[in-house]
N, C-alpha and C. Protein backbone atom coordinates (compact mmCIF):
# COMPACT_ATOMS: atom_id res chain seq x y z
N UNK A 1 20.79 133.19 96.71
CA UNK A 1 20.92 131.85 96.35
C UNK A 1 20.30 130.92 97.57
N UNK A 2 19.71 129.88 97.35
CA UNK A 2 18.82 129.09 98.33
C UNK A 2 18.98 127.67 98.05
N UNK A 3 18.67 126.77 99.09
CA UNK A 3 18.36 125.48 98.96
C UNK A 3 16.76 125.56 98.45
N UNK A 4 16.50 124.66 97.40
CA UNK A 4 15.13 124.78 96.75
C UNK A 4 14.28 123.84 97.54
N UNK A 5 14.78 122.64 97.67
CA UNK A 5 13.62 121.53 98.32
C UNK A 5 14.52 120.68 99.20
N UNK A 6 13.68 119.77 99.91
CA UNK A 6 14.12 118.94 100.95
C UNK A 6 14.38 119.43 102.33
N UNK A 7 15.06 118.66 103.02
CA UNK A 7 15.42 118.95 104.48
C UNK A 7 15.85 120.39 104.82
N UNK A 8 16.60 120.89 104.00
CA UNK A 8 17.27 122.30 104.13
C UNK A 8 16.46 123.24 103.29
N UNK A 9 15.32 123.09 103.01
CA UNK A 9 14.37 123.80 102.02
C UNK A 9 14.38 125.33 102.50
N UNK A 10 14.68 126.16 101.54
CA UNK A 10 14.51 127.62 101.78
C UNK A 10 15.69 128.36 102.51
N UNK A 11 16.56 127.56 103.03
CA UNK A 11 17.79 128.08 103.70
C UNK A 11 18.51 128.81 102.66
N UNK A 12 19.00 130.10 102.97
CA UNK A 12 20.04 130.69 102.06
C UNK A 12 21.38 130.18 102.14
N UNK A 13 22.17 130.39 101.00
CA UNK A 13 23.44 129.88 100.83
C UNK A 13 24.42 130.90 100.77
N UNK A 14 25.59 131.00 101.18
CA UNK A 14 26.63 132.00 101.04
C UNK A 14 27.21 131.87 99.62
N UNK A 15 27.59 133.00 99.18
CA UNK A 15 28.13 133.11 97.92
C UNK A 15 29.31 134.10 98.17
N UNK A 16 30.55 133.73 97.84
CA UNK A 16 31.68 134.65 97.82
C UNK A 16 31.65 135.83 97.06
N UNK A 17 32.09 137.04 97.49
CA UNK A 17 32.21 138.01 96.49
C UNK A 17 33.27 137.86 95.41
N UNK A 18 33.10 138.69 94.23
CA UNK A 18 34.03 138.52 93.19
C UNK A 18 33.40 137.78 92.26
N UNK A 19 34.18 137.66 91.01
CA UNK A 19 33.87 137.06 89.97
C UNK A 19 34.50 135.64 89.71
N UNK A 20 35.38 135.15 90.62
CA UNK A 20 35.96 133.97 90.53
C UNK A 20 35.10 132.69 90.58
N UNK A 21 33.88 132.85 91.19
CA UNK A 21 32.87 131.75 91.43
C UNK A 21 31.78 132.15 90.67
N UNK A 22 31.41 131.12 89.89
CA UNK A 22 29.90 131.49 89.04
C UNK A 22 28.99 130.31 89.45
N UNK A 23 28.20 130.68 90.49
CA UNK A 23 27.35 129.66 91.02
C UNK A 23 26.07 129.54 90.00
N UNK A 24 25.51 128.17 89.93
CA UNK A 24 24.30 127.74 89.20
C UNK A 24 23.18 128.69 89.75
N UNK A 25 22.41 129.43 88.86
CA UNK A 25 21.22 130.15 89.53
C UNK A 25 20.17 129.22 90.04
N UNK A 26 19.36 129.73 90.93
CA UNK A 26 18.13 128.87 91.38
C UNK A 26 17.26 128.47 90.61
N UNK A 27 17.00 129.39 89.40
CA UNK A 27 16.16 128.86 88.39
C UNK A 27 16.68 127.75 87.59
N UNK A 28 18.09 127.63 87.03
CA UNK A 28 18.61 126.67 86.39
C UNK A 28 18.86 125.43 87.44
N UNK A 29 18.97 125.65 88.55
CA UNK A 29 19.39 124.55 89.56
C UNK A 29 17.91 123.65 89.68
N UNK A 30 16.77 124.56 89.82
CA UNK A 30 15.43 123.87 89.98
C UNK A 30 15.12 123.06 88.90
N UNK A 31 15.42 123.53 87.56
CA UNK A 31 15.25 122.78 86.34
C UNK A 31 16.00 121.40 86.32
N UNK A 32 17.30 121.49 86.57
CA UNK A 32 18.22 120.44 86.63
C UNK A 32 17.56 119.37 87.60
N UNK A 33 17.13 119.82 88.68
CA UNK A 33 16.81 118.91 89.78
C UNK A 33 15.44 118.26 89.58
N UNK A 34 14.63 118.87 88.88
CA UNK A 34 13.32 118.45 88.34
C UNK A 34 13.69 117.23 87.26
N UNK A 35 14.60 117.40 86.56
CA UNK A 35 14.97 116.24 85.62
C UNK A 35 15.49 115.13 86.35
N UNK A 36 16.49 115.43 87.54
CA UNK A 36 17.19 114.53 88.17
C UNK A 36 16.50 113.90 89.46
N UNK A 37 15.25 114.37 89.53
CA UNK A 37 14.39 113.96 90.71
C UNK A 37 14.50 112.23 90.98
N UNK A 38 14.30 111.31 89.98
CA UNK A 38 14.24 109.94 90.23
C UNK A 38 15.52 109.37 90.46
N UNK A 39 16.61 110.27 90.44
CA UNK A 39 17.90 109.63 90.68
C UNK A 39 18.56 110.06 91.94
N UNK A 40 17.81 110.85 92.62
CA UNK A 40 18.56 111.55 93.93
C UNK A 40 18.67 110.60 95.11
N UNK A 41 17.38 110.28 95.78
CA UNK A 41 17.23 109.74 96.86
C UNK A 41 18.12 108.41 97.00
N UNK A 42 18.92 108.46 98.05
CA UNK A 42 19.79 107.28 98.56
C UNK A 42 21.17 107.32 97.55
N UNK A 43 21.31 108.31 96.62
CA UNK A 43 22.37 108.30 95.75
C UNK A 43 23.79 108.72 96.37
N UNK A 44 24.73 108.37 95.95
CA UNK A 44 26.21 108.74 96.20
C UNK A 44 26.48 109.82 95.17
N UNK A 45 26.81 110.98 95.51
CA UNK A 45 26.91 111.98 94.63
C UNK A 45 28.25 112.71 94.42
N UNK A 46 28.98 113.04 93.24
CA UNK A 46 30.26 113.74 93.20
C UNK A 46 29.98 115.13 92.65
N UNK A 47 30.15 116.28 93.42
CA UNK A 47 30.03 117.42 92.91
C UNK A 47 31.27 118.08 92.61
N UNK A 48 31.71 118.08 91.31
CA UNK A 48 32.98 118.58 90.66
C UNK A 48 33.12 119.96 90.28
N UNK A 49 34.28 120.53 90.64
CA UNK A 49 34.26 122.27 90.45
C UNK A 49 33.30 122.72 91.38
N UNK A 50 32.95 122.46 92.57
CA UNK A 50 31.81 122.66 93.50
C UNK A 50 31.50 124.10 93.76
N UNK A 51 32.30 125.04 93.73
CA UNK A 51 32.13 126.59 93.79
C UNK A 51 31.53 126.64 95.27
N UNK A 52 30.30 127.08 95.21
CA UNK A 52 29.56 127.33 96.60
C UNK A 52 29.06 125.96 97.29
N UNK A 53 29.07 124.91 96.50
CA UNK A 53 28.60 123.46 97.02
C UNK A 53 27.05 123.51 96.90
N UNK A 54 26.37 124.40 96.20
CA UNK A 54 25.05 124.44 96.02
C UNK A 54 24.22 123.21 95.45
N UNK A 55 25.12 122.70 94.39
CA UNK A 55 24.46 121.44 93.72
C UNK A 55 24.69 120.41 94.76
N UNK A 56 25.64 120.01 95.30
CA UNK A 56 25.77 118.88 96.23
C UNK A 56 24.89 119.10 97.44
N UNK A 57 24.77 120.16 97.95
CA UNK A 57 23.81 120.61 99.16
C UNK A 57 22.42 120.33 98.64
N UNK A 58 22.11 120.62 97.47
CA UNK A 58 20.58 120.48 96.93
C UNK A 58 20.42 119.07 97.01
N UNK A 59 21.41 118.25 96.56
CA UNK A 59 21.36 116.88 96.37
C UNK A 59 21.03 116.09 97.68
N UNK A 60 21.95 116.53 98.74
CA UNK A 60 21.79 116.06 100.03
C UNK A 60 20.51 116.43 100.56
N UNK A 61 20.14 117.62 100.45
CA UNK A 61 18.73 118.02 101.14
C UNK A 61 17.63 117.16 100.49
N UNK A 62 17.88 116.73 99.39
CA UNK A 62 16.53 116.03 98.64
C UNK A 62 16.77 114.31 98.89
N UNK A 63 17.63 113.95 99.68
CA UNK A 63 17.96 112.71 100.18
C UNK A 63 19.03 111.91 99.57
N UNK A 64 20.10 112.51 98.92
CA UNK A 64 21.21 111.71 98.55
C UNK A 64 21.89 111.37 99.94
N UNK A 65 22.56 110.17 99.98
CA UNK A 65 23.00 109.71 100.95
C UNK A 65 24.32 110.22 101.45
N UNK A 66 25.09 110.63 100.44
CA UNK A 66 26.63 111.05 100.50
C UNK A 66 26.84 112.13 99.36
N UNK A 67 27.75 113.10 99.55
CA UNK A 67 28.19 113.93 98.56
C UNK A 67 29.85 114.22 98.71
N UNK A 68 30.64 113.92 97.70
CA UNK A 68 31.91 114.37 97.80
C UNK A 68 31.93 115.66 96.81
N UNK A 69 32.61 116.70 97.49
CA UNK A 69 32.71 117.97 96.68
C UNK A 69 34.22 118.18 96.46
N UNK A 70 34.36 118.59 95.23
CA UNK A 70 35.72 118.78 94.77
C UNK A 70 36.03 120.14 94.38
N UNK A 71 36.97 120.85 95.13
CA UNK A 71 37.22 122.33 94.94
C UNK A 71 38.46 122.68 95.34
N UNK A 72 39.25 123.46 94.72
CA UNK A 72 40.72 123.81 95.05
C UNK A 72 40.83 125.33 95.34
N UNK A 73 39.93 125.95 95.11
CA UNK A 73 39.79 127.51 95.39
C UNK A 73 39.40 127.80 96.89
N UNK A 74 40.62 128.48 97.57
CA UNK A 74 40.30 128.50 99.01
C UNK A 74 39.19 129.16 99.56
N UNK A 75 38.68 130.25 98.76
CA UNK A 75 37.52 131.06 99.20
C UNK A 75 36.28 130.02 99.00
N UNK A 76 36.24 129.49 97.94
CA UNK A 76 34.91 128.58 97.51
C UNK A 76 35.08 127.57 98.74
N UNK A 77 36.16 126.92 99.10
CA UNK A 77 36.15 125.82 100.31
C UNK A 77 35.50 126.27 101.31
N UNK A 78 35.92 127.60 101.77
CA UNK A 78 35.38 128.11 103.12
C UNK A 78 33.93 128.29 102.87
N UNK A 79 33.48 128.80 101.81
CA UNK A 79 31.91 128.87 101.38
C UNK A 79 31.28 127.55 101.65
N UNK A 80 31.86 126.44 101.00
CA UNK A 80 31.21 125.16 100.95
C UNK A 80 31.21 124.66 102.37
N UNK A 81 31.98 124.85 103.13
CA UNK A 81 32.20 124.69 104.74
C UNK A 81 31.10 125.23 105.33
N UNK A 82 30.96 126.56 105.30
CA UNK A 82 29.99 127.32 105.94
C UNK A 82 28.62 126.93 105.43
N UNK A 83 28.38 126.89 104.10
CA UNK A 83 26.94 126.30 103.77
C UNK A 83 26.78 124.82 104.25
N UNK A 84 27.61 124.09 104.12
CA UNK A 84 27.24 122.73 104.79
C UNK A 84 26.94 122.59 106.13
N UNK A 85 27.58 123.46 107.01
CA UNK A 85 27.40 123.62 108.48
C UNK A 85 26.02 124.36 108.71
N UNK A 86 25.77 125.49 107.97
CA UNK A 86 24.46 126.20 108.11
C UNK A 86 23.30 125.33 107.77
N UNK A 87 23.56 124.52 106.87
CA UNK A 87 22.34 123.44 106.36
C UNK A 87 22.30 122.11 107.01
N UNK A 88 23.25 122.04 108.26
CA UNK A 88 23.32 120.99 108.94
C UNK A 88 23.49 119.54 108.13
N UNK A 89 24.30 119.67 107.00
CA UNK A 89 24.45 118.53 105.91
C UNK A 89 25.80 118.01 105.99
N UNK A 90 26.72 118.64 106.91
CA UNK A 90 28.10 118.36 106.87
C UNK A 90 28.57 116.95 107.18
N UNK A 91 27.91 116.19 107.89
CA UNK A 91 28.13 114.82 108.30
C UNK A 91 28.00 114.02 107.12
N UNK A 92 27.20 114.39 106.08
CA UNK A 92 27.01 113.32 104.83
C UNK A 92 27.91 114.13 103.76
N UNK A 93 28.86 114.89 104.17
CA UNK A 93 29.94 115.26 102.91
C UNK A 93 31.28 115.05 103.33
N UNK A 94 31.97 115.14 102.27
CA UNK A 94 33.33 115.02 102.04
C UNK A 94 34.03 116.19 101.30
N UNK A 95 34.82 116.87 101.73
CA UNK A 95 35.44 117.90 100.76
C UNK A 95 36.98 117.56 100.31
N UNK A 96 37.14 117.30 99.16
CA UNK A 96 38.36 117.12 98.69
C UNK A 96 39.01 118.54 98.24
N UNK A 97 39.96 118.95 98.94
CA UNK A 97 40.37 120.32 98.91
C UNK A 97 41.75 120.48 97.98
N UNK A 98 41.55 119.82 96.79
CA UNK A 98 42.66 119.86 95.69
C UNK A 98 42.28 119.85 94.35
N UNK A 99 43.25 119.88 93.34
CA UNK A 99 43.09 119.89 92.05
C UNK A 99 41.92 118.71 91.57
N UNK A 100 40.94 118.88 90.62
CA UNK A 100 40.03 117.91 90.15
C UNK A 100 40.72 116.55 89.79
N UNK A 101 41.67 116.88 88.89
CA UNK A 101 42.49 115.75 88.29
C UNK A 101 43.10 114.69 89.42
N UNK A 102 43.76 115.36 90.43
CA UNK A 102 44.17 114.54 91.49
C UNK A 102 43.04 113.75 92.38
N UNK A 103 42.00 114.57 92.57
CA UNK A 103 40.93 114.13 93.11
C UNK A 103 40.23 112.88 92.38
N UNK A 104 40.07 112.91 91.11
CA UNK A 104 39.48 112.05 90.32
C UNK A 104 40.45 110.66 90.31
N UNK A 105 41.67 110.81 90.24
CA UNK A 105 42.59 109.80 90.45
C UNK A 105 42.53 109.06 91.67
N UNK A 106 42.55 109.89 92.87
CA UNK A 106 42.48 109.26 94.07
C UNK A 106 40.98 108.54 94.35
N UNK A 107 40.00 109.16 93.84
CA UNK A 107 38.64 108.29 93.81
C UNK A 107 38.67 107.12 93.14
N UNK A 108 39.41 107.21 91.79
CA UNK A 108 39.37 105.81 91.05
C UNK A 108 40.30 104.91 91.64
N UNK A 109 41.50 105.20 92.34
CA UNK A 109 42.44 104.31 92.92
C UNK A 109 41.71 103.80 94.21
N UNK A 110 40.59 104.29 94.65
CA UNK A 110 39.90 103.62 95.68
C UNK A 110 38.74 102.83 95.32
N UNK A 111 38.56 102.73 94.12
CA UNK A 111 37.41 102.08 93.44
C UNK A 111 36.03 102.84 93.89
N UNK A 112 35.96 103.98 94.16
CA UNK A 112 34.64 104.71 94.43
C UNK A 112 33.98 105.00 93.19
N UNK A 113 32.59 104.74 93.21
CA UNK A 113 31.73 104.96 92.06
C UNK A 113 30.60 105.89 92.54
N UNK A 114 30.03 106.53 91.65
CA UNK A 114 28.88 107.48 91.97
C UNK A 114 27.62 107.29 91.16
N UNK A 115 26.46 107.59 91.92
CA UNK A 115 25.34 107.35 91.08
C UNK A 115 24.96 108.53 90.24
N UNK A 116 25.56 109.63 90.72
CA UNK A 116 25.36 110.98 89.95
C UNK A 116 26.58 111.94 90.14
N UNK A 117 27.08 112.42 88.88
CA UNK A 117 28.24 113.34 89.04
C UNK A 117 27.83 114.63 88.13
N UNK A 118 28.11 115.64 89.04
CA UNK A 118 27.80 117.05 88.47
C UNK A 118 28.98 117.78 88.32
N UNK A 119 29.32 118.11 87.11
CA UNK A 119 30.52 118.89 86.86
C UNK A 119 30.24 120.25 86.22
N UNK A 120 30.80 121.42 86.66
CA UNK A 120 30.68 122.63 86.27
C UNK A 120 32.08 123.24 86.29
N UNK A 121 32.76 122.93 85.21
CA UNK A 121 34.39 123.44 85.09
C UNK A 121 34.23 124.94 84.52
N UNK A 122 35.07 125.56 84.68
CA UNK A 122 35.29 127.15 84.25
C UNK A 122 34.80 127.08 82.83
N UNK A 123 34.13 128.07 82.37
CA UNK A 123 33.58 128.07 81.08
C UNK A 123 34.79 128.50 80.02
N UNK A 124 34.53 128.01 78.90
CA UNK A 124 35.39 128.26 77.75
C UNK A 124 36.99 128.04 77.94
N UNK A 125 37.20 126.96 78.74
CA UNK A 125 38.59 126.55 78.89
C UNK A 125 38.85 125.15 78.47
N UNK A 126 37.76 124.68 77.74
CA UNK A 126 37.88 123.33 77.25
C UNK A 126 38.28 122.10 78.13
N UNK A 127 37.67 122.14 79.46
CA UNK A 127 38.00 121.30 80.42
C UNK A 127 37.15 120.11 80.35
N UNK A 128 36.06 120.37 79.73
CA UNK A 128 34.86 119.30 79.77
C UNK A 128 35.27 117.86 79.34
N UNK A 129 36.07 117.85 78.06
CA UNK A 129 36.41 116.62 77.36
C UNK A 129 37.44 115.94 78.27
N UNK A 130 38.28 116.57 78.67
CA UNK A 130 39.45 115.91 79.51
C UNK A 130 38.89 115.61 80.82
N UNK A 131 38.06 116.16 81.58
CA UNK A 131 37.32 115.81 82.78
C UNK A 131 36.69 114.55 82.51
N UNK A 132 35.62 114.60 81.56
CA UNK A 132 34.83 113.46 81.36
C UNK A 132 35.37 112.25 81.00
N UNK A 133 36.67 112.42 80.25
CA UNK A 133 37.60 111.40 79.91
C UNK A 133 38.11 110.77 81.00
N UNK A 134 38.59 111.45 82.00
CA UNK A 134 39.14 110.87 83.26
C UNK A 134 37.98 110.24 84.17
N UNK A 135 36.93 110.78 84.16
CA UNK A 135 35.88 110.21 84.99
C UNK A 135 35.54 108.82 84.20
N UNK A 136 35.48 108.69 82.83
CA UNK A 136 35.35 107.50 82.18
C UNK A 136 36.49 106.58 82.42
N UNK A 137 37.69 107.01 82.36
CA UNK A 137 38.85 106.17 82.62
C UNK A 137 38.89 105.53 83.95
N UNK A 138 38.63 106.36 85.01
CA UNK A 138 38.64 105.74 86.29
C UNK A 138 37.37 105.15 86.74
N UNK A 139 36.53 104.94 85.76
CA UNK A 139 35.14 104.24 86.09
C UNK A 139 34.53 104.66 87.40
N UNK A 140 34.19 105.99 87.41
CA UNK A 140 33.84 106.68 88.50
C UNK A 140 32.18 106.64 88.46
N UNK A 141 31.67 106.56 87.39
CA UNK A 141 30.15 106.56 87.19
C UNK A 141 29.64 105.14 87.18
N UNK A 142 28.76 104.88 87.97
CA UNK A 142 28.06 103.42 88.22
C UNK A 142 27.03 103.20 86.81
N UNK A 143 27.00 101.92 86.55
CA UNK A 143 26.29 101.61 85.48
C UNK A 143 24.71 102.32 85.66
N UNK A 144 24.13 102.89 84.69
CA UNK A 144 23.02 103.49 84.64
C UNK A 144 23.07 105.02 85.37
N UNK A 145 24.09 105.31 85.86
CA UNK A 145 24.31 106.54 86.63
C UNK A 145 24.29 107.71 85.62
N UNK A 146 24.05 108.95 86.08
CA UNK A 146 23.57 110.04 85.40
C UNK A 146 24.88 110.96 85.66
N UNK A 147 25.40 111.61 84.65
CA UNK A 147 26.32 112.80 84.81
C UNK A 147 25.86 113.96 84.16
N UNK A 148 25.92 115.03 84.78
CA UNK A 148 25.24 116.33 84.26
C UNK A 148 26.51 117.37 84.10
N UNK A 149 26.82 117.72 82.94
CA UNK A 149 27.84 118.86 82.68
C UNK A 149 27.14 120.23 82.25
N UNK A 150 27.49 121.18 83.20
CA UNK A 150 27.09 122.39 82.80
C UNK A 150 28.19 123.03 82.14
N UNK A 151 28.14 123.78 81.00
CA UNK A 151 28.98 124.36 80.19
C UNK A 151 28.49 125.62 79.40
N UNK A 152 29.55 126.24 78.88
CA UNK A 152 29.13 127.49 77.92
C UNK A 152 28.28 126.85 76.55
N UNK A 153 27.54 127.68 75.98
CA UNK A 153 26.70 127.57 74.93
C UNK A 153 27.77 127.00 73.75
N UNK A 154 28.94 127.51 73.79
CA UNK A 154 29.97 127.19 72.61
C UNK A 154 30.53 125.74 73.01
N UNK A 155 30.41 125.20 73.91
CA UNK A 155 31.05 123.84 74.31
C UNK A 155 30.35 122.77 73.30
N UNK A 156 31.36 122.06 72.68
CA UNK A 156 30.89 120.78 71.83
C UNK A 156 30.98 119.62 72.53
N UNK A 157 29.83 119.04 72.77
CA UNK A 157 29.72 117.85 73.70
C UNK A 157 29.93 116.52 72.74
N UNK A 158 30.04 116.58 71.39
CA UNK A 158 30.14 115.51 70.51
C UNK A 158 31.06 114.40 70.85
N UNK A 159 32.21 114.81 71.62
CA UNK A 159 33.11 113.81 72.08
C UNK A 159 32.50 112.61 72.82
N UNK A 160 31.36 112.94 73.33
CA UNK A 160 30.71 111.72 74.09
C UNK A 160 30.58 110.55 73.39
N UNK A 161 30.34 110.84 71.94
CA UNK A 161 30.16 109.58 70.99
C UNK A 161 31.33 108.58 70.86
N UNK A 162 32.46 108.96 71.39
CA UNK A 162 33.75 108.33 71.25
C UNK A 162 33.90 107.60 72.60
N UNK A 163 32.95 107.85 73.65
CA UNK A 163 33.22 107.04 74.78
C UNK A 163 32.00 106.11 74.95
N UNK A 164 32.29 104.90 74.36
CA UNK A 164 31.11 103.98 74.02
C UNK A 164 30.18 103.66 75.05
N UNK A 165 30.56 103.78 76.32
CA UNK A 165 29.59 103.44 77.47
C UNK A 165 28.86 104.59 77.93
N UNK A 166 28.79 105.77 77.37
CA UNK A 166 28.18 107.05 77.61
C UNK A 166 27.24 107.21 76.52
N UNK A 167 26.16 108.07 76.86
CA UNK A 167 25.18 108.49 75.86
C UNK A 167 24.56 109.98 76.54
N UNK A 168 24.47 110.76 75.52
CA UNK A 168 23.73 111.99 75.90
C UNK A 168 22.38 111.72 75.84
N UNK A 169 21.50 111.80 76.90
CA UNK A 169 20.15 111.52 76.97
C UNK A 169 19.13 112.69 76.98
N UNK A 170 19.93 113.88 77.33
CA UNK A 170 18.99 115.16 77.29
C UNK A 170 20.06 116.24 77.25
N UNK A 171 19.56 117.50 76.68
CA UNK A 171 20.21 118.73 76.83
C UNK A 171 19.34 119.80 76.96
N UNK A 172 19.67 120.84 77.81
CA UNK A 172 18.81 121.86 78.10
C UNK A 172 19.76 123.07 77.71
N UNK A 173 19.13 124.07 76.87
CA UNK A 173 20.10 125.20 76.48
C UNK A 173 19.13 126.48 76.97
N UNK A 174 20.12 127.26 77.49
CA UNK A 174 19.53 128.71 78.25
C UNK A 174 20.35 129.65 77.54
N UNK A 175 20.00 130.97 78.19
CA UNK A 175 20.67 132.20 77.56
C UNK A 175 22.09 132.24 77.68
N UNK A 176 22.85 131.73 78.69
CA UNK A 176 24.25 131.81 79.01
C UNK A 176 25.01 130.33 79.11
N UNK A 177 24.17 129.32 79.09
CA UNK A 177 24.72 128.03 79.35
C UNK A 177 24.01 126.97 79.12
N UNK A 178 24.51 125.80 78.86
CA UNK A 178 23.71 124.45 78.51
C UNK A 178 24.00 123.44 79.52
N UNK A 179 23.15 122.52 79.72
CA UNK A 179 23.16 121.35 80.52
C UNK A 179 23.03 119.98 79.67
N UNK A 180 24.14 119.34 79.89
CA UNK A 180 24.12 117.95 79.06
C UNK A 180 23.99 116.77 80.21
N UNK A 181 22.92 116.00 79.82
CA UNK A 181 22.69 114.85 80.91
C UNK A 181 23.17 113.73 80.22
N UNK A 182 24.08 112.98 80.68
CA UNK A 182 24.79 111.97 80.13
C UNK A 182 24.53 110.53 80.95
N UNK A 183 24.37 109.62 80.51
CA UNK A 183 23.92 108.41 81.04
C UNK A 183 24.97 107.41 80.81
N UNK A 184 25.22 106.61 81.76
CA UNK A 184 26.43 105.43 81.53
C UNK A 184 25.62 104.20 81.32
N UNK A 185 25.84 103.41 80.12
CA UNK A 185 25.16 102.38 79.71
C UNK A 185 25.56 101.24 80.58
N UNK A 186 24.77 100.24 80.79
CA UNK A 186 25.23 99.20 81.50
C UNK A 186 26.29 98.31 80.68
N UNK A 187 27.38 97.76 81.62
CA UNK A 187 28.32 97.08 80.92
C UNK A 187 28.15 95.50 81.32
N UNK A 188 28.41 94.95 80.20
CA UNK A 188 28.04 93.32 80.38
C UNK A 188 29.46 92.70 81.02
């Protein structure tokens, strides 16, 4: 696994051993970032369920101003720290080392909003709807901001229709997963 483009281009990223962490493959990551290209530069990014940190690091390498990583798995946190140090992007990062729900509440209570949110919750545990509903409830995504949800092929994303200010603008389906690109509509 490596950084694909930007200031840290081609640098390898560490991946912890074992099956607890499921990093997004370089192939999928490149496709996602080709779609996100217009939204990256100067953006404030939230990498939720960060794992190795490869998504947030890719965004920082491509010109995002700041990235908040949310992860509570100790091995993954160590990996994120190592990868941020190796890519020399640590100064643009904040790691919230606790449960995603508490992190979202803290961010919401501080009025922080993001231009781009990427979430990759554990597959087949039904966390997508709860997590996106919390993001919506805490108003963490800026108007016209983009959220990407990486999920299993079985995940039903139709609940987005109930969140009146969100719309799915694109979906990409692959052998083992899918990516839903969700835009927050401007509120008046």
